[in-house]
PDB file of N, CA and C in Angstrom:
ATOM      1  N   MET A   1      56.343 -23.462 135.975  1.00  0.00           N
ATOM      2  CA  MET A   1      55.016 -24.094 135.239  1.00  0.00           C
ATOM      3  C   MET A   1      55.241 -25.629 135.380  1.00  0.00           C
ATOM      4  N   LEU A   2      56.654 -26.439 135.669  1.00  0.00           N
ATOM      5  CA  LEU A   2      56.971 -27.841 135.920  1.00  0.00           C
ATOM      6  C   LEU A   2      56.477 -27.938 137.087  1.00  0.00           C
ATOM      7  N   VAL A   3      56.951 -27.430 138.146  1.00  0.00           N
ATOM      8  CA  VAL A   3      56.359 -27.291 139.320  1.00  0.00           C
ATOM      9  C   VAL A   3      54.938 -27.515 139.935  1.00  0.00           C
ATOM     10  N   GLN A   4      54.526 -26.744 139.092  1.00  0.00           N
ATOM     11  CA  GLN A   4      52.893 -26.786 139.260  1.00  0.00           C
ATOM     12  C   GLN A   4      52.400 -28.275 138.356  1.00  0.00           C
ATOM     13  N   GLN A   5      53.071 -29.014 137.814  1.00  0.00           N
ATOM     14  CA  GLN A   5      52.623 -30.440 137.494  1.00  0.00           C
ATOM     15  C   GLN A   5      52.954 -31.283 138.469  1.00  0.00           C
ATOM     16  N   TYR A   6      54.113 -30.793 139.231  1.00  0.00           N
ATOM     17  CA  TYR A   6      54.708 -31.798 140.446  1.00  0.00           C
ATOM     18  C   TYR A   6      53.984 -31.491 141.535  1.00  0.00           C
ATOM     19  N   LEU A   7      53.790 -30.715 142.004  1.00  0.00           N
ATOM     20  CA  LEU A   7      53.157 -30.002 143.246  1.00  0.00           C
ATOM     21  C   LEU A   7      52.003 -31.084 144.141  1.00  0.00           C
ATOM     22  N   PRO A   8      50.813 -31.770 143.174  1.00  0.00           N
ATOM     23  CA  PRO A   8      49.957 -32.809 143.665  1.00  0.00           C
ATOM     24  C   PRO A   8      50.625 -33.727 144.337  1.00  0.00           C
ATOM     25  N   ILE A   9      52.048 -34.774 143.509  1.00  0.00           N
ATOM     26  CA  ILE A   9      52.515 -35.457 143.791  1.00  0.00           C
ATOM     27  C   ILE A   9      53.555 -35.052 144.991  1.00  0.00           C
ATOM     28  N   ALA A  10      54.008 -33.847 145.084  1.00  0.00           N
ATOM     29  CA  ALA A  10      54.852 -33.513 146.413  1.00  0.00           C
ATOM     30  C   ALA A  10      54.068 -33.494 147.434  1.00  0.00           C
ATOM     31  N   ILE A  11      52.640 -32.787 147.057  1.00  0.00           N
ATOM     32  CA  ILE A  11      51.753 -32.956 148.734  1.00  0.00           C
ATOM     33  C   ILE A  11      51.635 -34.066 149.251  1.00  0.00           C
ATOM     34  N   LEU A  12      51.199 -35.025 148.120  1.00  0.00           N
ATOM     35  CA  LEU A  12      50.592 -36.489 148.338  1.00  0.00           C
ATOM     36  C   LEU A  12      52.227 -36.929 149.111  1.00  0.00           C
ATOM     37  N   VAL A  13      53.162 -36.844 148.507  1.00  0.00           N
ATOM     38  CA  VAL A  13      54.503 -37.943 149.338  1.00  0.00           C
ATOM     39  C   VAL A  13      54.341 -37.205 150.647  1.00  0.00           C
ATOM     40  N   LEU A  14      54.500 -36.064 150.548  1.00  0.00           N
ATOM     41  CA  LEU A  14      54.836 -35.423 152.044  1.00  0.00           C
ATOM     42  C   LEU A  14      53.419 -35.654 153.199  1.00  0.00           C
ATOM     43  N   PHE A  15      52.291 -35.560 152.561  1.00  0.00           N
ATOM     44  CA  PHE A  15      51.281 -36.277 153.171  1.00  0.00           C
ATOM     45  C   PHE A  15      51.331 -37.662 153.785  1.00  0.00           C
ATOM     46  N   ALA A  16      52.287 -38.613 152.966  1.00  0.00           N
ATOM     47  CA  ALA A  16      52.284 -39.437 153.596  1.00  0.00           C
ATOM     48  C   ALA A  16      53.281 -39.884 154.466  1.00  0.00           C
ATOM     49  N   ILE A  17      54.588 -38.929 154.292  1.00  0.00           N
ATOM     50  CA  ILE A  17      55.408 -39.058 155.223  1.00  0.00           C
ATOM     51  C   ILE A  17      55.185 -38.650 156.787  1.00  0.00           C
ATOM     52  N   ILE A  18      54.127 -37.603 156.492  1.00  0.00           N
ATOM     53  CA  ILE A  18      53.989 -37.052 157.621  1.00  0.00           C
ATOM     54  C   ILE A  18      53.073 -37.927 158.568  1.00  0.00           C
ATOM     55  N   MET A  19      51.783 -38.672 157.660  1.00  0.00           N
ATOM     56  CA  MET A  19      51.228 -39.582 158.495  1.00  0.00           C
ATOM     57  C   MET A  19      51.970 -41.161 158.897  1.00  0.00           C
ATOM     58  N   ALA A  20      52.628 -41.580 158.143  1.00  0.00           N
ATOM     59  CA  ALA A  20      53.483 -42.791 158.751  1.00  0.00           C
ATOM     60  C   ALA A  20      54.495 -42.053 160.533  1.00  0.00           C
ATOM     61  N   LEU A  21      54.779 -40.768 160.169  1.00  0.00           N
ATOM     62  CA  LEU A  21      55.415 -40.208 161.346  1.00  0.00           C
ATOM     63  C   LEU A  21      54.784 -40.120 162.374  1.00  0.00           C
ATOM     64  N   ILE A  22      53.351 -39.614 162.413  1.00  0.00           N
ATOM     65  CA  ILE A  22      52.408 -39.601 163.363  1.00  0.00           C
ATOM     66  C   ILE A  22      51.714 -41.098 163.606  1.00  0.00           C
ATOM     67  N   VAL A  23      51.907 -41.944 162.921  1.00  0.00           N
ATOM     68  CA  VAL A  23      51.419 -43.484 163.139  1.00  0.00           C
ATOM     69  C   VAL A  23      52.699 -43.836 164.493  1.00  0.00           C
ATOM     70  N   VAL A  24      53.863 -44.033 164.142  1.00  0.00           N
ATOM     71  CA  VAL A  24      54.882 -44.468 164.705  1.00  0.00           C
ATOM     72  C   VAL A  24      55.132 -43.755 165.759  1.00  0.00           C
ATOM     73  N   PHE A  25      55.185 -42.548 165.575  1.00  0.00           N
ATOM     74  CA  PHE A  25      55.066 -41.558 167.019  1.00  0.00           C
ATOM     75  C   PHE A  25      54.250 -42.126 168.241  1.00  0.00           C
ATOM     76  N   THR A  26      52.847 -41.958 167.704  1.00  0.00           N
ATOM     77  CA  THR A  26      51.643 -42.029 168.353  1.00  0.00           C
ATOM     78  C   THR A  26      52.194 -43.775 169.129  1.00  0.00           C
ATOM     79  N   SER A  27      51.827 -44.741 168.234  1.00  0.00           N
ATOM     80  CA  SER A  27      52.214 -45.937 168.978  1.00  0.00           C
ATOM     81  C   SER A  27      53.363 -46.081 169.900  1.00  0.00           C
ATOM     82  N   VAL A  28      54.558 -45.615 169.553  1.00  0.00           N
ATOM     83  CA  VAL A  28      55.396 -45.431 170.791  1.00  0.00           C
ATOM     84  C   VAL A  28      55.153 -44.395 171.829  1.00  0.00           C
ATOM     85  N   ILE A  29      54.553 -43.431 171.808  1.00  0.00           N
ATOM     86  CA  ILE A  29      53.730 -42.717 173.008  1.00  0.00           C
ATOM     87  C   ILE A  29      52.836 -43.740 174.015  1.00  0.00           C
ATOM     88  N   PHE A  30      51.854 -44.116 173.487  1.00  0.00           N
ATOM     89  CA  PHE A  30      50.590 -44.348 173.901  1.00  0.00           C
ATOM     90  C   PHE A  30      50.884 -46.410 173.870  1.00  0.00           C
ATOM     91  N   GLY A  31      51.729 -46.744 173.101  1.00  0.00           N
ATOM     92  CA  GLY A  31      51.406 -48.436 173.097  1.00  0.00           C
ATOM     93  C   GLY A  31      52.196 -48.636 174.377  1.00  0.00           C
ATOM     94  N   PRO A  32      51.645 -49.806 174.735  1.00  0.00           N
ATOM     95  CA  PRO A  32      52.082 -50.885 175.720  1.00  0.00           C
ATOM     96  C   PRO A  32      53.855 -51.320 175.554  1.00  0.00           C
ATOM     97  N   HIS A  33      54.320 -51.132 176.640  1.00  0.00           N
ATOM     98  CA  HIS A  33      56.051 -51.054 176.436  1.00  0.00           C
ATOM     99  C   HIS A  33      56.463 -52.048 177.989  1.00  0.00           C
ATOM    100  N   ARG A  34      56.129 -52.965 177.981  1.00  0.00           N
ATOM    101  CA  ARG A  34      56.421 -54.117 179.194  1.00  0.00           C
ATOM    102  C   ARG A  34      57.420 -55.115 178.736  1.00  0.00           C
ATOM    103  N   PRO A  35      58.800 -54.501 178.575  1.00  0.00           N
ATOM    104  CA  PRO A  35      59.843 -55.761 178.037  1.00  0.00           C
ATOM    105  C   PRO A  35      59.929 -56.812 179.544  1.00  0.00           C
ATOM    106  N   THR A  36      59.804 -57.842 178.772  1.00  0.00           N
ATOM    107  CA  THR A  36      60.376 -58.977 180.037  1.00  0.00           C
ATOM    108  C   THR A  36      61.372 -60.058 179.647  1.00  0.00           C
ATOM    109  N   LYS A  37      62.305 -60.450 179.962  1.00  0.00           N
ATOM    110  CA  LYS A  37      63.704 -61.284 179.653  1.00  0.00           C
ATOM    111  C   LYS A  37      62.962 -62.191 178.480  1.00  0.00           C
ATOM    112  N   LYS A  38      62.057 -62.703 178.848  1.00  0.00           N
ATOM    113  CA  LYS A  38      61.017 -63.449 177.946  1.00  0.00           C
ATOM    114  C   LYS A  38      61.093 -63.273 176.487  1.00  0.00           C
ATOM    115  N   LYS A  39      60.127 -61.553 176.638  1.00  0.00           N
ATOM    116  CA  LYS A  39      60.067 -60.861 175.444  1.00  0.00           C
ATOM    117  C   LYS A  39      60.933 -60.414 174.873  1.00  0.00           C
ATOM    118  N   LEU A  40      62.303 -60.174 175.306  1.00  0.00           N
ATOM    119  CA  LEU A  40      63.448 -60.218 174.696  1.00  0.00           C
ATOM    120  C   LEU A  40      64.223 -60.819 173.740  1.00  0.00           C
ATOM    121  N   ALA A  41      63.854 -62.158 174.657  1.00  0.00           N
ATOM    122  CA  ALA A  41      64.759 -62.795 174.114  1.00  0.00           C
ATOM    123  C   ALA A  41      64.325 -63.479 172.162  1.00  0.00           C
ATOM    124  N   PRO A  42      65.181 -63.895 171.294  1.00  0.00           N
ATOM    125  CA  PRO A  42      65.101 -64.296 170.182  1.00  0.00           C
ATOM    126  C   PRO A  42      64.075 -65.342 170.015  1.00  0.00           C
ATOM    127  N   TYR A  43      63.093 -64.834 168.722  1.00  0.00           N
ATOM    128  CA  TYR A  43      62.019 -65.870 168.575  1.00  0.00           C
ATOM    129  C   TYR A  43      62.334 -67.089 167.328  1.00  0.00           C
ATOM    130  N   GLU A  44      62.618 -68.140 167.921  1.00  0.00           N
ATOM    131  CA  GLU A  44      62.511 -69.298 166.314  1.00  0.00           C
ATOM    132  C   GLU A  44      61.940 -70.395 166.083  1.00  0.00           C
ATOM    133  N   SER A  45      60.333 -69.713 165.806  1.00  0.00           N
ATOM    134  CA  SER A  45      59.000 -70.371 165.224  1.00  0.00           C
ATOM    135  C   SER A  45      59.164 -71.374 166.592  1.00  0.00           C
ATOM    136  N   GLY A  46      58.702 -70.803 167.798  1.00  0.00           N
ATOM    137  CA  GLY A  46      58.604 -71.381 169.176  1.00  0.00           C
ATOM    138  C   GLY A  46      59.472 -72.386 169.222  1.00  0.00           C
ATOM    139  N   MET A  47      60.607 -72.488 169.129  1.00  0.00           N
ATOM    140  CA  MET A  47      62.076 -73.292 169.699  1.00  0.00           C
ATOM    141  C   MET A  47      62.499 -72.287 170.292  1.00  0.00           C
ATOM    142  N   THR A  48      63.239 -73.420 171.352  1.00  0.00           N
ATOM    143  CA  THR A  48      64.204 -72.612 171.970  1.00  0.00           C
ATOM    144  C   THR A  48      65.204 -71.999 171.298  1.00  0.00           C
ATOM    145  N   PRO A  49      65.801 -71.124 171.265  1.00  0.00           N
ATOM    146  CA  PRO A  49      66.714 -70.818 170.272  1.00  0.00           C
ATOM    147  C   PRO A  49      68.485 -71.423 170.528  1.00  0.00           C
ATOM    148  N   ILE A  50      69.085 -71.616 169.452  1.00  0.00           N
ATOM    149  CA  ILE A  50      70.276 -72.579 170.068  1.00  0.00           C
ATOM    150  C   ILE A  50      71.286 -71.134 169.503  1.00  0.00           C
ATOM    151  N   GLY A  51      72.310 -71.113 170.250  1.00  0.00           N
ATOM    152  CA  GLY A  51      73.284 -69.993 169.632  1.00  0.00           C
ATOM    153  C   GLY A  51      72.885 -68.640 169.841  1.00  0.00           C
ATOM    154  N   PRO A  52      73.655 -67.818 169.542  1.00  0.00           N
ATOM    155  CA  PRO A  52      73.146 -66.165 169.266  1.00  0.00           C
ATOM    156  C   PRO A  52      72.453 -66.049 168.217  1.00  0.00           C
ATOM    157  N   ALA A  53      71.681 -65.215 168.664  1.00  0.00           N
ATOM    158  CA  ALA A  53      70.636 -64.605 167.557  1.00  0.00           C
ATOM    159  C   ALA A  53      71.831 -63.781 166.116  1.00  0.00           C
ATOM    160  N   VAL A  54      72.710 -63.396 166.439  1.00  0.00           N
ATOM    161  CA  VAL A  54      73.392 -62.373 165.772  1.00  0.00           C
ATOM    162  C   VAL A  54      74.595 -63.618 164.801  1.00  0.00           C
ATOM    163  N   ARG A  55      74.765 -63.839 163.605  1.00  0.00           N
ATOM    164  CA  ARG A  55      75.556 -64.556 163.144  1.00  0.00           C
ATOM    165  C   ARG A  55      76.116 -63.838 162.228  1.00  0.00           C
ATOM    166  N   ARG A  56      77.714 -63.785 161.874  1.00  0.00           N
ATOM    167  CA  ARG A  56      77.875 -63.235 160.770  1.00  0.00           C
ATOM    168  C   ARG A  56      77.708 -64.314 159.679  1.00  0.00           C
ATOM    169  N   LEU A  57      77.608 -63.732 158.819  1.00  0.00           N
ATOM    170  CA  LEU A  57      77.071 -64.446 157.151  1.00  0.00           C
ATOM    171  C   LEU A  57      78.541 -64.736 156.736  1.00  0.00           C
ATOM    172  N   PRO A  58      78.658 -66.101 155.888  1.00  0.00           N
ATOM    173  CA  PRO A  58      79.650 -66.366 155.069  1.00  0.00           C
ATOM    174  C   PRO A  58      79.958 -65.226 153.937  1.00  0.00           C
ATOM    175  N   VAL A  59      81.324 -65.088 153.405  1.00  0.00           N
ATOM    176  CA  VAL A  59      81.326 -64.147 152.593  1.00  0.00           C
ATOM    177  C   VAL A  59      80.407 -64.803 151.180  1.00  0.00           C
ATOM    178  N   ARG A  60      80.468 -66.013 151.041  1.00  0.00           N
ATOM    179  CA  ARG A  60      79.618 -66.877 149.912  1.00  0.00           C
ATOM    180  C   ARG A  60      78.535 -66.052 149.434  1.00  0.00           C
ATOM    181  N   PHE A  61      77.707 -65.574 150.656  1.00  0.00           N
ATOM    182  CA  PHE A  61      76.627 -64.877 150.434  1.00  0.00           C
ATOM    183  C   PHE A  61      76.518 -63.901 150.143  1.00  0.00           C
ATOM    184  N   TYR A  62      77.573 -62.833 150.286  1.00  0.00           N
ATOM    185  CA  TYR A  62      77.755 -61.698 149.478  1.00  0.00           C
ATOM    186  C   TYR A  62      77.853 -62.084 147.742  1.00  0.00           C
ATOM    187  N   LEU A  63      78.769 -63.065 147.443  1.00  0.00           N
ATOM    188  CA  LEU A  63      79.024 -63.610 146.427  1.00  0.00           C
ATOM    189  C   LEU A  63      78.188 -63.446 145.747  1.00  0.00           C
ATOM    190  N   VAL A  64      77.352 -64.659 146.050  1.00  0.00           N
ATOM    191  CA  VAL A  64      75.773 -64.978 145.559  1.00  0.00           C
ATOM    192  C   VAL A  64      75.082 -63.520 145.238  1.00  0.00           C
ATOM    193  N   ALA A  65      74.695 -62.888 146.024  1.00  0.00           N
ATOM    194  CA  ALA A  65      74.143 -61.609 146.433  1.00  0.00           C
ATOM    195  C   ALA A  65      74.982 -60.446 145.134  1.00  0.00           C
ATOM    196  N   VAL A  66      76.244 -60.569 145.023  1.00  0.00           N
ATOM    197  CA  VAL A  66      76.571 -59.277 143.804  1.00  0.00           C
ATOM    198  C   VAL A  66      76.145 -60.155 142.598  1.00  0.00           C
ATOM    199  N   LEU A  67      76.237 -61.561 142.304  1.00  0.00           N
ATOM    200  CA  LEU A  67      75.923 -62.247 141.245  1.00  0.00           C
ATOM    201  C   LEU A  67      74.743 -62.047 140.375  1.00  0.00           C
ATOM    202  N   PHE A  68      73.762 -62.054 141.555  1.00  0.00           N
ATOM    203  CA  PHE A  68      72.381 -61.526 141.399  1.00  0.00           C
ATOM    204  C   PHE A  68      72.081 -60.417 140.856  1.00  0.00           C
ATOM    205  N   ILE A  69      72.688 -59.194 141.564  1.00  0.00           N
ATOM    206  CA  ILE A  69      72.523 -57.957 141.213  1.00  0.00           C
ATOM    207  C   ILE A  69      73.472 -57.853 139.815  1.00  0.00           C
ATOM    208  N   LEU A  70      74.395 -58.414 139.462  1.00  0.00           N
ATOM    209  CA  LEU A  70      75.173 -58.443 137.839  1.00  0.00           C
ATOM    210  C   LEU A  70      73.917 -58.855 136.943  1.00  0.00           C
ATOM    211  N   PHE A  71      73.386 -59.758 137.225  1.00  0.00           N
ATOM    212  CA  PHE A  71      72.534 -60.547 136.191  1.00  0.00           C
ATOM    213  C   PHE A  71      71.012 -59.970 135.907  1.00  0.00           C
ATOM    214  N   ASP A  72      70.780 -59.034 137.304  1.00  0.00           N
ATOM    215  CA  ASP A  72      69.441 -58.569 137.045  1.00  0.00           C
ATOM    216  C   ASP A  72      69.528 -57.093 136.403  1.00  0.00           C
ATOM    217  N   VAL A  73      70.508 -56.122 136.772  1.00  0.00           N
ATOM    218  CA  VAL A  73      70.916 -55.141 135.825  1.00  0.00           C
ATOM    219  C   VAL A  73      71.212 -55.267 134.768  1.00  0.00           C
ATOM    220  N   GLU A  74      72.052 -56.558 134.320  1.00  0.00           N
ATOM    221  CA  GLU A  74      72.099 -56.904 132.681  1.00  0.00           C
ATOM    222  C   GLU A  74      70.871 -57.012 132.186  1.00  0.00           C
ATOM    223  N   ILE A  75      69.792 -58.097 132.616  1.00  0.00           N
ATOM    224  CA  ILE A  75      68.454 -57.849 132.209  1.00  0.00           C
ATOM    225  C   ILE A  75      67.852 -56.762 132.129  1.00  0.00           C
ATOM    226  N   ILE A  76      67.863 -55.627 133.305  1.00  0.00           N
ATOM    227  CA  ILE A  76      67.061 -54.639 133.065  1.00  0.00           C
ATOM    228  C   ILE A  76      67.767 -53.754 131.956  1.00  0.00           C
ATOM    229  N   PHE A  77      68.768 -53.430 131.537  1.00  0.00           N
ATOM    230  CA  PHE A  77      69.324 -52.903 130.346  1.00  0.00           C
ATOM    231  C   PHE A  77      69.141 -52.951 129.040  1.00  0.00           C
ATOM    232  N   LEU A  78      69.687 -54.755 129.055  1.00  0.00           N
ATOM    233  CA  LEU A  78      69.546 -55.096 127.842  1.00  0.00           C
ATOM    234  C   LEU A  78      68.549 -55.447 127.066  1.00  0.00           C
ATOM    235  N   LEU A  79      67.052 -55.482 127.891  1.00  0.00           N
ATOM    236  CA  LEU A  79      65.709 -56.063 127.734  1.00  0.00           C
ATOM    237  C   LEU A  79      65.392 -54.485 126.541  1.00  0.00           C
ATOM    238  N   PRO A  80      65.441 -53.861 127.032  1.00  0.00           N
ATOM    239  CA  PRO A  80      64.965 -52.389 126.111  1.00  0.00           C
ATOM    240  C   PRO A  80      65.703 -52.147 124.997  1.00  0.00           C
ATOM    241  N   TYR A  81      67.156 -52.567 125.117  1.00  0.00           N
ATOM    242  CA  TYR A  81      67.963 -51.966 124.096  1.00  0.00           C
ATOM    243  C   TYR A  81      67.519 -52.781 123.175  1.00  0.00           C
ATOM    244  N   ALA A  82      67.031 -53.923 123.254  1.00  0.00           N
ATOM    245  CA  ALA A  82      66.576 -55.211 121.962  1.00  0.00           C
ATOM    246  C   ALA A  82      65.629 -54.599 121.298  1.00  0.00           C
ATOM    247  N   VAL A  83      64.965 -54.074 121.999  1.00  0.00           N
ATOM    248  CA  VAL A  83      63.487 -53.517 121.598  1.00  0.00           C
ATOM    249  C   VAL A  83      63.913 -52.151 120.691  1.00  0.00           C
ATOM    250  N   VAL A  84      65.131 -51.543 120.547  1.00  0.00           N
ATOM    251  CA  VAL A  84      64.987 -50.351 120.183  1.00  0.00           C
ATOM    252  C   VAL A  84      66.301 -50.196 119.507  1.00  0.00           C
ATOM    253  N   ILE A  85      66.808 -51.555 119.112  1.00  0.00           N
ATOM    254  CA  ILE A  85      68.175 -51.827 118.323  1.00  0.00           C
ATOM    255  C   ILE A  85      68.619 -51.215 117.379  1.00  0.00           C
ATOM    256  N   ARG A  86      67.355 -51.571 116.421  1.00  0.00           N
ATOM    257  CA  ARG A  86      67.562 -50.678 114.767  1.00  0.00           C
ATOM    258  C   ARG A  86      67.415 -48.856 114.962  1.00  0.00           C
ATOM    259  N   GLN A  87      66.740 -48.768 115.886  1.00  0.00           N
ATOM    260  CA  GLN A  87      67.190 -46.685 116.066  1.00  0.00           C
ATOM    261  C   GLN A  87      68.387 -46.328 116.541  1.00  0.00           C
ATOM    262  N   LEU A  88      69.186 -47.303 117.307  1.00  0.00           N
ATOM    263  CA  LEU A  88      70.277 -46.653 118.297  1.00  0.00           C
ATOM    264  C   LEU A  88      71.319 -46.723 117.210  1.00  0.00           C
ATOM    265  N   GLY A  89      71.279 -47.377 116.027  1.00  0.00           N
ATOM    266  CA  GLY A  89      72.538 -47.374 115.274  1.00  0.00           C
ATOM    267  C   GLY A  89      74.137 -47.816 115.855  1.00  0.00           C
ATOM    268  N   LEU A  90      74.816 -47.345 115.566  1.00  0.00           N
ATOM    269  CA  LEU A  90      76.213 -47.797 115.523  1.00  0.00           C
ATOM    270  C   LEU A  90      76.525 -47.308 117.207  1.00  0.00           C
ATOM    271  N   TYR A  91      76.136 -45.921 117.451  1.00  0.00           N
ATOM    272  CA  TYR A  91      76.355 -45.312 118.903  1.00  0.00           C
ATOM    273  C   TYR A  91      75.644 -46.764 119.936  1.00  0.00           C
ATOM    274  N   GLY A  92      74.522 -47.085 120.019  1.00  0.00           N
ATOM    275  CA  GLY A  92      73.851 -47.956 120.661  1.00  0.00           C
ATOM    276  C   GLY A  92      74.807 -49.097 120.885  1.00  0.00           C
ATOM    277  N   LEU A  93      75.187 -49.680 119.576  1.00  0.00           N
ATOM    278  CA  LEU A  93      76.188 -50.962 119.444  1.00  0.00           C
ATOM    279  C   LEU A  93      77.125 -50.822 120.650  1.00  0.00           C
ATOM    280  N   ILE A  94      77.960 -49.545 120.213  1.00  0.00           N
ATOM    281  CA  ILE A  94      79.421 -49.147 121.056  1.00  0.00           C
ATOM    282  C   ILE A  94      78.701 -49.041 122.515  1.00  0.00           C
ATOM    283  N   ALA A  95      78.068 -48.518 122.816  1.00  0.00           N
ATOM    284  CA  ALA A  95      77.601 -48.287 124.333  1.00  0.00           C
ATOM    285  C   ALA A  95      77.277 -49.598 124.862  1.00  0.00           C
ATOM    286  N   THR A  96      76.695 -50.311 124.266  1.00  0.00           N
ATOM    287  CA  THR A  96      75.977 -51.796 125.022  1.00  0.00           C
ATOM    288  C   THR A  96      76.813 -52.959 124.963  1.00  0.00           C
ATOM    289  N   GLY A  97      77.937 -52.562 123.660  1.00  0.00           N
ATOM    290  CA  GLY A  97      79.189 -53.393 124.151  1.00  0.00           C
ATOM    291  C   GLY A  97      80.568 -52.750 124.971  1.00  0.00           C
ATOM    292  N   VAL A  98      80.369 -51.640 125.494  1.00  0.00           N
ATOM    293  CA  VAL A  98      80.892 -51.188 127.013  1.00  0.00           C
ATOM    294  C   VAL A  98      80.357 -51.847 127.971  1.00  0.00           C
ATOM    295  N   PHE A  99      78.987 -51.721 128.092  1.00  0.00           N
ATOM    296  CA  PHE A  99      77.673 -52.356 129.093  1.00  0.00           C
ATOM    297  C   PHE A  99      78.652 -54.007 129.261  1.00  0.00           C
ATOM    298  N   VAL A 100      78.250 -54.436 128.144  1.00  0.00           N
ATOM    299  CA  VAL A 100      78.684 -56.050 128.092  1.00  0.00           C
ATOM    300  C   VAL A 100      80.053 -55.970 128.783  1.00  0.00           C
ATOM    301  N   VAL A 101      81.064 -55.691 128.564  1.00  0.00           N
ATOM    302  CA  VAL A 101      82.736 -55.907 128.646  1.00  0.00           C
ATOM    303  C   VAL A 101      82.699 -55.346 130.433  1.00  0.00           C
ATOM    304  N   ILE A 102      81.787 -54.471 131.067  1.00  0.00           N
ATOM    305  CA  ILE A 102      82.012 -54.230 132.308  1.00  0.00           C
ATOM    306  C   ILE A 102      81.247 -55.269 132.894  1.00  0.00           C
ATOM    307  N   LEU A 103      80.269 -55.535 132.487  1.00  0.00           N
ATOM    308  CA  LEU A 103      79.491 -56.831 133.203  1.00  0.00           C
ATOM    309  C   LEU A 103      79.839 -58.403 133.234  1.00  0.00           C
ATOM    310  N   THR A 104      80.933 -58.337 131.920  1.00  0.00           N
ATOM    311  CA  THR A 104      81.863 -59.791 131.869  1.00  0.00           C
ATOM    312  C   THR A 104      82.945 -59.288 133.156  1.00  0.00           C
ATOM    313  N   VAL A 105      83.644 -58.032 133.375  1.00  0.00           N
ATOM    314  CA  VAL A 105      84.437 -57.716 134.116  1.00  0.00           C
ATOM    315  C   VAL A 105      84.104 -58.224 135.560  1.00  0.00           C
ATOM    316  N   GLY A 106      82.564 -58.234 135.756  1.00  0.00           N
ATOM    317  CA  GLY A 106      82.082 -58.404 137.183  1.00  0.00           C
ATOM    318  C   GLY A 106      82.348 -59.928 137.726  1.00  0.00           C
ATOM    319  N   LEU A 107      81.290 -60.594 135.909  1.00  0.00           N
ATOM    320  CA  LEU A 107      81.245 -62.087 136.023  1.00  0.00           C
ATOM    321  C   LEU A 107      82.580 -62.495 136.180  1.00  0.00           C
ATOM    322  N   LEU A 108      84.043 -62.134 135.762  1.00  0.00           N
ATOM    323  CA  LEU A 108      84.854 -63.022 135.780  1.00  0.00           C
ATOM    324  C   LEU A 108      85.403 -62.778 137.459  1.00  0.00           C
ATOM    325  N   TYR A 109      85.115 -61.707 137.970  1.00  0.00           N
ATOM    326  CA  TYR A 109      85.518 -61.373 139.413  1.00  0.00           C
ATOM    327  C   TYR A 109      85.048 -62.425 140.324  1.00  0.00           C
ATOM    328  N   GLU A 110      83.259 -62.544 140.332  1.00  0.00           N
ATOM    329  CA  GLU A 110      82.553 -63.733 140.664  1.00  0.00           C
ATOM    330  C   GLU A 110      83.396 -65.079 140.256  1.00  0.00           C
ATOM    331  N   TRP A 111      83.889 -65.525 139.380  1.00  0.00           N
ATOM    332  CA  TRP A 111      84.161 -66.665 138.844  1.00  0.00           C
ATOM    333  C   TRP A 111      85.533 -66.786 139.490  1.00  0.00           C
ATOM    334  N   LYS A 112      86.214 -65.935 139.751  1.00  0.00           N
ATOM    335  CA  LYS A 112      87.652 -65.758 140.344  1.00  0.00           C
ATOM    336  C   LYS A 112      87.688 -66.143 141.991  1.00  0.00           C
ATOM    337  N   LYS A 113      86.766 -65.293 142.183  1.00  0.00           N
ATOM    338  CA  LYS A 113      86.323 -65.671 143.661  1.00  0.00           C
ATOM    339  C   LYS A 113      85.351 -67.386 144.099  1.00  0.00           C
ATOM    340  N   GLY A 114      85.157 -67.631 143.018  1.00  0.00           N
ATOM    341  CA  GLY A 114      84.224 -68.939 143.648  1.00  0.00           C
ATOM    342  C   GLY A 114      82.849 -68.916 143.726  1.00  0.00           C
ATOM    343  N   GLY A 115      82.344 -67.846 143.039  1.00  0.00           N
ATOM    344  CA  GLY A 115      80.879 -67.752 143.620  1.00  0.00           C
ATOM    345  C   GLY A 115      80.142 -68.273 142.406  1.00  0.00           C
ATOM    346  N   LEU A 116      80.692 -68.936 141.454  1.00  0.00           N
ATOM    347  CA  LEU A 116      79.692 -69.899 140.416  1.00  0.00           C
ATOM    348  C   LEU A 116      80.099 -71.745 141.288  1.00  0.00           C
ATOM    349  N   ASP A 117      80.794 -71.573 141.859  1.00  0.00           N
ATOM    350  CA  ASP A 117      80.775 -73.184 142.312  1.00  0.00           C
ATOM    351  C   ASP A 117      80.017 -73.682 143.083  1.00  0.00           C
ATOM    352  N   TRP A 118      79.287 -74.697 142.966  1.00  0.00           N
ATOM    353  CA  TRP A 118      78.234 -75.143 143.856  1.00  0.00           C
ATOM    354  C   TRP A 118      79.013 -76.028 144.601  1.00  0.00           C
ATOM    355  N   GLU A 119      78.452 -76.323 145.875  1.00  0.00           N
ATOM    356  CA  GLU A 119      79.095 -77.111 146.744  1.00  0.00           C
ATOM    357  C   GLU A 119      78.118 -77.791 147.604  1.00  0.00           C
TER     358      GLU A 119
END
């Protein structure tokens, strides 16, 4: 019975995947492919590239990304909790407390690694 409810969605997803594969493979097979040295060179807004196209990102970039994910996840889970705080009772308070403690550990890690320092 549950399968019958989701069957149209599964068919739609399957159809979308098949159409995407057809479009990609058709363009690979029939599309023009005449690579030249100039076409394969990295493009930087019409300017001549300076240095290599692939550069290593500093660790600071990843620390900022972790910080963003940390606060993003916190907001995603705490806002719905704030809406139903009265229905959850003590169990909800304890579960949210554990969640906030885990997020605080992540924040302390960021602070220790210097992710919060502005330079």
